[in-house]
C-alpha atoms as a PDB file:
ATOM      1  CA  MET A   1       0.061  -0.005   0.007  1.00  0.00           C
ATOM      2  CA  LYS A   2       1.204   3.434  -0.829  1.00  0.00           C
ATOM      3  CA  VAL A   3       0.186   6.562   1.036  1.00  0.00           C
ATOM      4  CA  LEU A   4       0.509  10.008  -0.386  1.00  0.00           C
ATOM      5  CA  VAL A   5       0.565  12.982   2.007  1.00  0.00           C
ATOM      6  CA  THR A   6       0.031  16.399   0.805  1.00  0.00           C
ATOM      7  CA  VAL A   7       2.022  18.937   2.787  1.00  0.00           C
ATOM      8  CA  LYS A   8       2.287  22.760   2.574  1.00  0.00           C
ATOM      9  CA  GLU A   9       4.932  25.304   3.813  1.00  0.00           C
ATOM     10  CA  VAL A  10       3.088  28.210   5.438  1.00  0.00           C
ATOM     11  CA  ALA A  11       4.289  31.588   6.321  1.00  0.00           C
ATOM     12  CA  GLU A  12       3.818  33.197   9.802  1.00  0.00           C
ATOM     13  CA  VAL A  13       3.777  37.095  10.086  1.00  0.00           C
ATOM     14  CA  ASP A  14       5.687  38.867  12.726  1.00  0.00           C
ATOM     15  CA  ASP A  15       3.713  41.146  15.144  1.00  0.00           C
ATOM     16  CA  ASP A  16       5.342  44.147  13.453  1.00  0.00           C
ATOM     17  CA  PHE A  17       5.464  43.623   9.761  1.00  0.00           C
ATOM     18  CA  GLU A  18       6.014  45.638   6.668  1.00  0.00           C
ATOM     19  CA  ILE A  19       4.003  45.498   3.253  1.00  0.00           C
ATOM     20  CA  GLU A  20       5.675  45.645  -0.097  1.00  0.00           C
ATOM     21  CA  GLY A  21       3.059  46.202  -2.812  1.00  0.00           C
ATOM     22  CA  THR A  22       0.194  43.694  -2.058  1.00  0.00           C
ATOM     23  CA  GLU A  23       2.344  41.355  -0.123  1.00  0.00           C
ATOM     24  CA  VAL A  24       3.931  41.142   3.284  1.00  0.00           C
ATOM     25  CA  ALA A  25       7.641  41.742   3.148  1.00  0.00           C
ATOM     26  CA  GLU A  26       9.736  38.763   2.887  1.00  0.00           C
ATOM     27  CA  SER A  27      11.764  40.002   5.912  1.00  0.00           C
ATOM     28  CA  SER A  28       8.595  39.775   8.071  1.00  0.00           C
ATOM     29  CA  LEU A  29       7.874  36.189   7.338  1.00  0.00           C
ATOM     30  CA  GLU A  30       8.918  32.888   8.967  1.00  0.00           C
ATOM     31  CA  TYR A  31       8.247  29.558   7.200  1.00  0.00           C
ATOM     32  CA  ASP A  32       7.079  26.250   8.701  1.00  0.00           C
ATOM     33  CA  LEU A  33       5.204  23.033   7.917  1.00  0.00           C
ATOM     34  CA  ASN A  34       1.382  23.528   8.148  1.00  0.00           C
ATOM     35  CA  GLU A  35       0.091  22.394  11.388  1.00  0.00           C
ATOM     36  CA  TRP A  36      -2.789  20.339  10.010  1.00  0.00           C
ATOM     37  CA  ASP A  37      -0.242  18.636   7.680  1.00  0.00           C
ATOM     38  CA  ASP A  38       1.993  17.741  10.300  1.00  0.00           C
ATOM     39  CA  TYR A  39      -0.709  15.504  11.763  1.00  0.00           C
ATOM     40  CA  ALA A  40      -1.270  14.001   8.265  1.00  0.00           C
ATOM     41  CA  VAL A  41       2.371  13.093   8.066  1.00  0.00           C
ATOM     42  CA  GLU A  42       2.287  11.466  11.527  1.00  0.00           C
ATOM     43  CA  ALA A  43      -0.831   9.461  10.481  1.00  0.00           C
ATOM     44  CA  GLY A  44       1.005   8.282   7.282  1.00  0.00           C
ATOM     45  CA  VAL A  45       4.161   7.444   9.105  1.00  0.00           C
ATOM     46  CA  GLN A  46       2.253   5.406  11.682  1.00  0.00           C
ATOM     47  CA  LEU A  47       0.601   3.426   8.982  1.00  0.00           C
ATOM     48  CA  SER A  48       4.167   2.599   7.668  1.00  0.00           C
ATOM     49  CA  GLU A  49       5.404   1.586  11.171  1.00  0.00           C
ATOM     50  CA  ASP A  50       2.363  -0.540  12.071  1.00  0.00           C
ATOM     51  CA  GLY A  51       2.443  -2.463   8.657  1.00  0.00           C
ATOM     52  CA  PRO A  52      -0.431  -1.489   6.302  1.00  0.00           C
ATOM     53  CA  ALA A  53       1.626   0.965   4.356  1.00  0.00           C
ATOM     54  CA  ASP A  54       4.724  -0.023   2.379  1.00  0.00           C
ATOM     55  CA  GLU A  55       5.650   3.506   1.391  1.00  0.00           C
ATOM     56  CA  VAL A  56       4.782   7.004   2.402  1.00  0.00           C
ATOM     57  CA  VAL A  57       5.323   9.752  -0.155  1.00  0.00           C
ATOM     58  CA  SER A  58       4.956  13.503   0.362  1.00  0.00           C
ATOM     59  CA  VAL A  59       3.931  16.050  -2.151  1.00  0.00           C
ATOM     60  CA  THR A  60       4.202  19.824  -1.762  1.00  0.00           C
ATOM     61  CA  ILE A  61       3.428  22.731  -4.174  1.00  0.00           C
ATOM     62  CA  GLY A  62       6.191  25.110  -3.473  1.00  0.00           C
ATOM     63  CA  PRO A  63       9.534  26.988  -4.489  1.00  0.00           C
ATOM     64  CA  GLU A  64      12.967  25.696  -3.792  1.00  0.00           C
ATOM     65  CA  ARG A  65      12.712  27.369  -0.386  1.00  0.00           C
ATOM     66  CA  SER A  66      10.223  24.912   0.750  1.00  0.00           C
ATOM     67  CA  GLU A  67      12.593  21.920   0.496  1.00  0.00           C
ATOM     68  CA  GLU A  68      13.797  22.785   4.009  1.00  0.00           C
ATOM     69  CA  THR A  69      10.370  22.298   5.188  1.00  0.00           C
ATOM     70  CA  ILE A  70       9.924  19.037   3.220  1.00  0.00           C
ATOM     71  CA  ARG A  71      13.089  17.787   4.722  1.00  0.00           C
ATOM     72  CA  MET A  72      11.332  17.990   8.141  1.00  0.00           C
ATOM     73  CA  ALA A  73       8.551  15.608   6.783  1.00  0.00           C
ATOM     74  CA  LEU A  74      11.179  13.275   5.528  1.00  0.00           C
ATOM     75  CA  ALA A  75      13.114  13.365   8.842  1.00  0.00           C
ATOM     76  CA  LYS A  76       9.888  12.223  10.617  1.00  0.00           C
ATOM     77  CA  GLY A  77       9.653   9.088   8.597  1.00  0.00           C
ATOM     78  CA  VAL A  78       8.346   9.917   5.141  1.00  0.00           C
ATOM     79  CA  ASP A  79      10.215   7.868   2.515  1.00  0.00           C
ATOM     80  CA  ARG A  80      10.518  10.287  -0.303  1.00  0.00           C
ATOM     81  CA  ALA A  81       9.073  13.544  -1.520  1.00  0.00           C
ATOM     82  CA  VAL A  82       7.860  15.300  -4.662  1.00  0.00           C
ATOM     83  CA  ARG A  83       8.018  19.178  -5.088  1.00  0.00           C
ATOM     84  CA  VAL A  84       5.946  20.865  -7.747  1.00  0.00           C
ATOM     85  CA  TRP A  85       6.832  24.205  -9.053  1.00  0.00           C
ATOM     86  CA  ASP A  86       6.900  26.182 -12.207  1.00  0.00           C
ATOM     87  CA  ASP A  87       7.379  29.848 -13.322  1.00  0.00           C
ATOM     88  CA  ALA A  88       3.632  29.924 -14.244  1.00  0.00           C
ATOM     89  CA  ILE A  89       2.718  28.805 -10.782  1.00  0.00           C
ATOM     90  CA  GLU A  90       4.900  31.521  -9.203  1.00  0.00           C
ATOM     91  CA  GLU A  91       2.874  34.158 -11.129  1.00  0.00           C
ATOM     92  CA  GLU A  92      -0.479  32.936  -9.650  1.00  0.00           C
ATOM     93  CA  PHE A  93      -2.233  33.233  -6.569  1.00  0.00           C
ATOM     94  CA  LEU A  94      -3.395  29.461  -6.599  1.00  0.00           C
ATOM     95  CA  ASP A  95      -7.042  28.751  -5.827  1.00  0.00           C
ATOM     96  CA  VAL A  96      -8.426  25.350  -4.818  1.00  0.00           C
ATOM     97  CA  ALA A  97      -9.003  24.431  -8.572  1.00  0.00           C
ATOM     98  CA  GLY A  98      -5.441  25.050  -9.501  1.00  0.00           C
ATOM     99  CA  LYS A  99      -4.048  23.244  -6.481  1.00  0.00           C
ATOM    100  CA  ALA A 100      -6.258  20.212  -7.255  1.00  0.00           C
ATOM    101  CA  SER A 101      -5.216  20.070 -10.911  1.00  0.00           C
ATOM    102  CA  LEU A 102      -1.517  19.807  -9.842  1.00  0.00           C
ATOM    103  CA  LEU A 103      -2.185  17.281  -6.998  1.00  0.00           C
ATOM    104  CA  GLU A 104      -4.440  15.233  -9.391  1.00  0.00           C
ATOM    105  CA  ALA A 105      -1.454  14.962 -11.808  1.00  0.00           C
ATOM    106  CA  VAL A 106       0.842  13.720  -9.052  1.00  0.00           C
ATOM    107  CA  VAL A 107      -1.697  11.158  -7.996  1.00  0.00           C
ATOM    108  CA  GLU A 108      -1.927   9.830 -11.557  1.00  0.00           C
ATOM    109  CA  GLU A 109       1.859   9.390 -11.529  1.00  0.00           C
ATOM    110  CA  GLU A 110       2.213   7.966  -8.046  1.00  0.00           C
ATOM    111  CA  GLU A 111      -0.951   5.792  -7.956  1.00  0.00           C
ATOM    112  CA  PRO A 112      -1.365   5.874  -4.193  1.00  0.00           C
ATOM    113  CA  ASP A 113      -4.029   3.759  -2.274  1.00  0.00           C
ATOM    114  CA  LEU A 114      -4.635   6.510   0.331  1.00  0.00           C
ATOM    115  CA  VAL A 115      -4.158  10.196   0.151  1.00  0.00           C
ATOM    116  CA  LEU A 116      -3.769  12.029   3.499  1.00  0.00           C
ATOM    117  CA  SER A 117      -4.237  15.918   3.695  1.00  0.00           C
ATOM    118  CA  GLY A 118      -4.656  18.328   6.430  1.00  0.00           C
ATOM    119  CA  VAL A 119      -8.059  19.628   6.966  1.00  0.00           C
ATOM    120  CA  GLN A 120      -6.949  23.297   6.054  1.00  0.00           C
ATOM    121  CA  ALA A 121      -3.894  25.528   5.739  1.00  0.00           C
ATOM    122  CA  ALA A 122      -3.022  28.057   8.260  1.00  0.00           C
ATOM    123  CA  ASP A 123      -2.288  30.772   5.569  1.00  0.00           C
ATOM    124  CA  ASP A 124      -5.322  30.760   3.326  1.00  0.00           C
ATOM    125  CA  SER A 125      -7.650  28.510   5.280  1.00  0.00           C
ATOM    126  CA  PHE A 126      -9.527  27.361   2.224  1.00  0.00           C
ATOM    127  CA  GLY A 127     -10.087  23.942   3.786  1.00  0.00           C
ATOM    128  CA  ALA A 128     -11.365  22.570   0.506  1.00  0.00           C
ATOM    129  CA  THR A 129      -8.275  21.300  -1.358  1.00  0.00           C
ATOM    130  CA  GLY A 130      -8.527  17.725  -0.059  1.00  0.00           C
ATOM    131  CA  VAL A 131     -12.172  17.273  -1.139  1.00  0.00           C
ATOM    132  CA  ALA A 132     -11.661  18.860  -4.325  1.00  0.00           C
ATOM    133  CA  LEU A 133      -8.870  16.481  -5.105  1.00  0.00           C
ATOM    134  CA  ALA A 134     -11.051  13.432  -4.259  1.00  0.00           C
ATOM    135  CA  ASP A 135     -13.746  14.655  -6.684  1.00  0.00           C
ATOM    136  CA  ARG A 136     -11.220  15.216  -9.422  1.00  0.00           C
ATOM    137  CA  ILE A 137      -9.536  11.649  -9.081  1.00  0.00           C
ATOM    138  CA  GLY A 138     -12.871   9.727  -8.221  1.00  0.00           C
ATOM    139  CA  PHE A 139     -11.718   8.543  -4.830  1.00  0.00           C
ATOM    140  CA  GLU A 140     -14.009   8.152  -1.933  1.00  0.00           C
ATOM    141  CA  HIS A 141     -13.362  10.738   0.769  1.00  0.00           C
ATOM    142  CA  ALA A 142     -13.949  11.755   4.425  1.00  0.00           C
ATOM    143  CA  ALA A 143     -13.299  15.135   5.883  1.00  0.00           C
ATOM    144  CA  VAL A 144     -12.197  16.375   9.365  1.00  0.00           C
ATOM    145  CA  VAL A 145     -10.910  12.805  10.380  1.00  0.00           C
ATOM    146  CA  ASN A 146      -9.708  12.600  14.019  1.00  0.00           C
ATOM    147  CA  ASP A 147      -9.300   8.808  14.187  1.00  0.00           C
ATOM    148  CA  LEU A 148      -8.150   6.259  11.636  1.00  0.00           C
ATOM    149  CA  GLU A 149      -7.861   2.568  11.315  1.00  0.00           C
ATOM    150  CA  LEU A 150      -7.200   0.494   8.333  1.00  0.00           C
ATOM    151  CA  GLU A 151      -8.479  -3.001   7.774  1.00  0.00           C
ATOM    152  CA  GLY A 152      -7.730  -4.507   4.354  1.00  0.00           C
ATOM    153  CA  ASP A 153      -9.162  -2.093   1.680  1.00  0.00           C
ATOM    154  CA  VAL A 154     -11.416  -0.260   4.192  1.00  0.00           C
ATOM    155  CA  ALA A 155     -10.503   2.908   6.343  1.00  0.00           C
ATOM    156  CA  SER A 156     -12.652   2.989   9.499  1.00  0.00           C
ATOM    157  CA  VAL A 157     -12.719   6.756  10.533  1.00  0.00           C
ATOM    158  CA  ARG A 158     -14.181   9.085  12.938  1.00  0.00           C
ATOM    159  CA  ARG A 159     -15.219  12.473  11.865  1.00  0.00           C
ATOM    160  CA  GLU A 160     -15.585  15.655  13.814  1.00  0.00           C
ATOM    161  CA  LEU A 161     -18.851  17.340  12.849  1.00  0.00           C
ATOM    162  CA  GLU A 162     -20.711  20.554  13.919  1.00  0.00           C
ATOM    163  CA  GLY A 163     -21.865  20.868  17.499  1.00  0.00           C
ATOM    164  CA  GLY A 164     -19.503  18.370  19.042  1.00  0.00           C
ATOM    165  CA  VAL A 165     -21.125  15.424  17.024  1.00  0.00           C
ATOM    166  CA  GLU A 166     -18.841  12.621  15.785  1.00  0.00           C
ATOM    167  CA  GLU A 167     -19.556  10.236  13.073  1.00  0.00           C
ATOM    168  CA  LEU A 168     -18.071   6.720  12.623  1.00  0.00           C
ATOM    169  CA  THR A 169     -18.051   5.549   9.108  1.00  0.00           C
ATOM    170  CA  ASP A 170     -16.087   3.195   6.821  1.00  0.00           C
ATOM    171  CA  VAL A 171     -14.447   4.400   3.507  1.00  0.00           C
ATOM    172  CA  ASP A 172     -13.417   2.098   0.752  1.00  0.00           C
ATOM    173  CA  LEU A 173      -9.871   2.530  -0.547  1.00  0.00           C
ATOM    174  CA  PRO A 174      -8.663   4.122  -2.706  1.00  0.00           C
ATOM    175  CA  ALA A 175      -9.553   7.309  -0.644  1.00  0.00           C
ATOM    176  CA  VAL A 176      -8.776  10.795   0.350  1.00  0.00           C
ATOM    177  CA  LEU A 177      -8.948  11.766   4.074  1.00  0.00           C
ATOM    178  CA  THR A 178      -8.436  15.209   5.369  1.00  0.00           C
ATOM    179  CA  VAL A 179      -6.919  15.040   8.853  1.00  0.00           C
ATOM    180  CA  GLN A 180      -7.887  17.054  11.834  1.00  0.00           C
ATOM    181  CA  THR A 181      -5.505  18.154  14.629  1.00  0.00           C
ATOM    182  CA  GLY A 182      -5.688  15.915  17.694  1.00  0.00           C
ATOM    183  CA  ILE A 183      -5.843  12.565  15.613  1.00  0.00           C
ATOM    184  CA  ASN A 184      -2.328  11.727  16.941  1.00  0.00           C
ATOM    185  CA  GLU A 185       0.672  13.441  18.529  1.00  0.00           C
ATOM    186  CA  PRO A 186       3.219  14.578  15.851  1.00  0.00           C
ATOM    187  CA  ARG A 187       6.669  13.389  16.534  1.00  0.00           C
ATOM    188  CA  TYR A 188       9.798  15.705  16.795  1.00  0.00           C
ATOM    189  CA  ALA A 189      12.356  14.849  14.161  1.00  0.00           C
ATOM    190  CA  SER A 190      15.347  13.107  15.675  1.00  0.00           C
ATOM    191  CA  LEU A 191      18.859  13.867  14.788  1.00  0.00           C
ATOM    192  CA  ARG A 192      19.169  10.476  13.335  1.00  0.00           C
ATOM    193  CA  GLY A 193      16.144  11.290  11.176  1.00  0.00           C
ATOM    194  CA  ILE A 194      17.329  14.752  10.290  1.00  0.00           C
ATOM    195  CA  ARG A 195      20.488  13.211   8.873  1.00  0.00           C
ATOM    196  CA  GLN A 196      18.815  10.437   7.022  1.00  0.00           C
ATOM    197  CA  ALA A 197      16.587  13.051   5.524  1.00  0.00           C
ATOM    198  CA  GLN A 198      19.532  14.660   3.652  1.00  0.00           C
ATOM    199  CA  ARG A 199      19.885  11.393   1.541  1.00  0.00           C
ATOM    200  CA  LYS A 200      16.196  10.946   0.751  1.00  0.00           C
ATOM    201  CA  GLU A 201      14.906  11.788  -2.678  1.00  0.00           C
ATOM    202  CA  ILE A 202      12.997  14.958  -3.450  1.00  0.00           C
ATOM    203  CA  ALA A 203      11.780  14.632  -6.961  1.00  0.00           C
ATOM    204  CA  GLN A 204      11.117  18.021  -8.764  1.00  0.00           C
ATOM    205  CA  ARG A 205       8.182  18.390 -11.235  1.00  0.00           C
ATOM    206  CA  ASP A 206       7.140  21.315 -13.242  1.00  0.00           C
ATOM    207  CA  LEU A 207       4.030  21.637 -15.508  1.00  0.00           C
ATOM    208  CA  GLY A 208       5.578  19.978 -18.451  1.00  0.00           C
ATOM    209  CA  ASP A 209       6.610  16.950 -16.330  1.00  0.00           C
ATOM    210  CA  LEU A 210       2.969  16.581 -15.033  1.00  0.00           C
ATOM    211  CA  GLY A 211       1.472  17.013 -18.585  1.00  0.00           C
ATOM    212  CA  LEU A 212      -0.123  20.355 -17.825  1.00  0.00           C
ATOM    213  CA  ASP A 213       0.262  23.940 -19.017  1.00  0.00           C
ATOM    214  CA  ALA A 214      -0.330  27.312 -17.545  1.00  0.00           C
ATOM    215  CA  VAL A 215      -3.969  27.480 -18.363  1.00  0.00           C
ATOM    216  CA  ASP A 216      -4.349  24.484 -15.812  1.00  0.00           C
ATOM    217  CA  VAL A 217      -3.404  26.660 -13.092  1.00  0.00           C
ATOM    218  CA  ASP A 218      -5.181  29.774 -14.034  1.00  0.00           C
ATOM    219  CA  SER A 219      -6.651  31.283 -10.783  1.00  0.00           C
ATOM    220  CA  THR A 220     -10.090  32.846 -10.352  1.00  0.00           C
ATOM    221  CA  LEU A 221      -8.670  34.879  -7.500  1.00  0.00           C
ATOM    222  CA  THR A 222      -6.733  38.111  -7.625  1.00  0.00           C
ATOM    223  CA  LEU A 223      -4.899  39.762  -4.628  1.00  0.00           C
ATOM    224  CA  THR A 224      -5.788  43.258  -5.158  1.00  0.00           C
ATOM    225  CA  GLU A 225      -4.816  44.941  -1.894  1.00  0.00           C
ATOM    226  CA  MET A 226      -3.315  44.291   1.521  1.00  0.00           C
ATOM    227  CA  TYR A 227      -3.047  46.751   4.293  1.00  0.00           C
ATOM    228  CA  GLU A 228      -2.481  46.932   8.013  1.00  0.00           C
ATOM    229  CA  PRO A 229      -5.895  47.882   9.656  1.00  0.00           C
ATOM    230  CA  GLU A 230      -6.008  51.033  11.482  1.00  0.00           C
ATOM    231  CA  SER A 231      -6.731  51.081  15.155  1.00  0.00           C
ATOM    232  CA  GLU A 232     -10.329  52.244  16.127  1.00  0.00           C
ATOM    233  CA  SER A 233      -9.728  52.607  19.904  1.00  0.00           C
ATOM    234  CA  ASP A 234      -6.819  53.221  22.192  1.00  0.00           C
ATOM    235  CA  ALA A 235      -5.981  51.387  25.375  1.00  0.00           C
ATOM    236  CA  GLU A 236      -4.959  52.808  28.663  1.00  0.00           C
ATOM    237  CA  PHE A 237      -2.648  50.961  30.963  1.00  0.00           C
ATOM    238  CA  PHE A 238      -2.717  51.704  34.760  1.00  0.00           C
ATOM    239  CA  GLU A 239       0.555  51.296  36.587  1.00  0.00           C
ATOM    240  CA  GLY A 240       0.934  50.702  40.400  1.00  0.00           C
ATOM    241  CA  ASP A 241      -0.166  48.045  42.989  1.00  0.00           C
ATOM    242  CA  ALA A 242      -3.551  46.578  43.078  1.00  0.00           C
ATOM    243  CA  SER A 243      -5.011  49.327  45.290  1.00  0.00           C
ATOM    244  CA  GLU A 244      -3.723  52.147  43.037  1.00  0.00           C
ATOM    245  CA  THR A 245      -4.864  50.563  39.783  1.00  0.00           C
ATOM    246  CA  ALA A 246      -8.221  49.763  41.163  1.00  0.00           C
ATOM    247  CA  GLY A 247      -8.585  53.415  42.202  1.00  0.00           C
ATOM    248  CA  LYS A 248      -7.681  54.733  38.767  1.00  0.00           C
ATOM    249  CA  LEU A 249      -9.959  52.284  37.135  1.00  0.00           C
ATOM    250  CA  ALA A 250     -12.816  53.245  39.361  1.00  0.00           C
ATOM    251  CA  ALA A 251     -12.111  57.050  38.609  1.00  0.00           C
ATOM    252  CA  VAL A 252     -12.257  56.230  34.751  1.00  0.00           C
ATOM    253  CA  LEU A 253     -15.409  54.312  35.220  1.00  0.00           C
ATOM    254  CA  ARG A 254     -17.151  57.131  36.959  1.00  0.00           C
ATOM    255  CA  GLU A 255     -15.884  59.596  34.360  1.00  0.00           C
ATOM    256  CA  LYS A 256     -17.531  57.412  31.692  1.00  0.00           C
ATOM    257  CA  GLY A 257     -20.835  57.174  33.574  1.00  0.00           C
ATOM    258  CA  VAL A 258     -20.423  53.418  34.180  1.00  0.00           C
ATOM    259  CA  ALA A 259     -20.154  53.535  37.909  1.00  0.00           C
ATOM    260  CA  GLU A 260     -21.680  55.726  40.453  1.00  0.00           C
END
């Protein structure tokens, strides 16, 4: 059995950041593995350690910079990785359809039995890529999975629904499952794993390699403006011990007509 795990490098913005054009300045960003995808990686590696999976492959859509993040997935036990990138992709703000097109081509190449994806990404929070991929490739799917057991060609999953309701269901393989946080406890990469990751393969694919062209990643989304919101109120801080600050607060409340 082959498990394909989709992973994404996401950017985190500093508290104080600068904007260049319509983007946050590169100097204000730090990059890391998407939190939800970290749980998907752990689920795939556990399937390999427990026996059902013979190989775990990760796939990411990202520039060369993202290989450092991919290496972390390899260090945690993923066997090899595929990185998809192209100049045409770099010029686009990829929407769900564009991502699904790229991942669909990788699925056709890799022919996995099970695809694991994080429920959503911390940067765009679309939360639809995994389900859109399942629709494209004709796999059964289950979303927001927080427990997974494999028995032959059937995945028994528990899904987290609205209002605290949970659903138990069986999904026939091949399938796509989007993984929720809490399904497991992602491991830290060991020093040995980090060293081994440097020798593992990261295959690079561009649009031509995947049999696609620029029109296949045309996005319906356009980023038109980004700005730092203006503060609409001010905060006042009181200094001193508890008695002093309580007195100052009481005075302000009386002034505002809140307290008598």
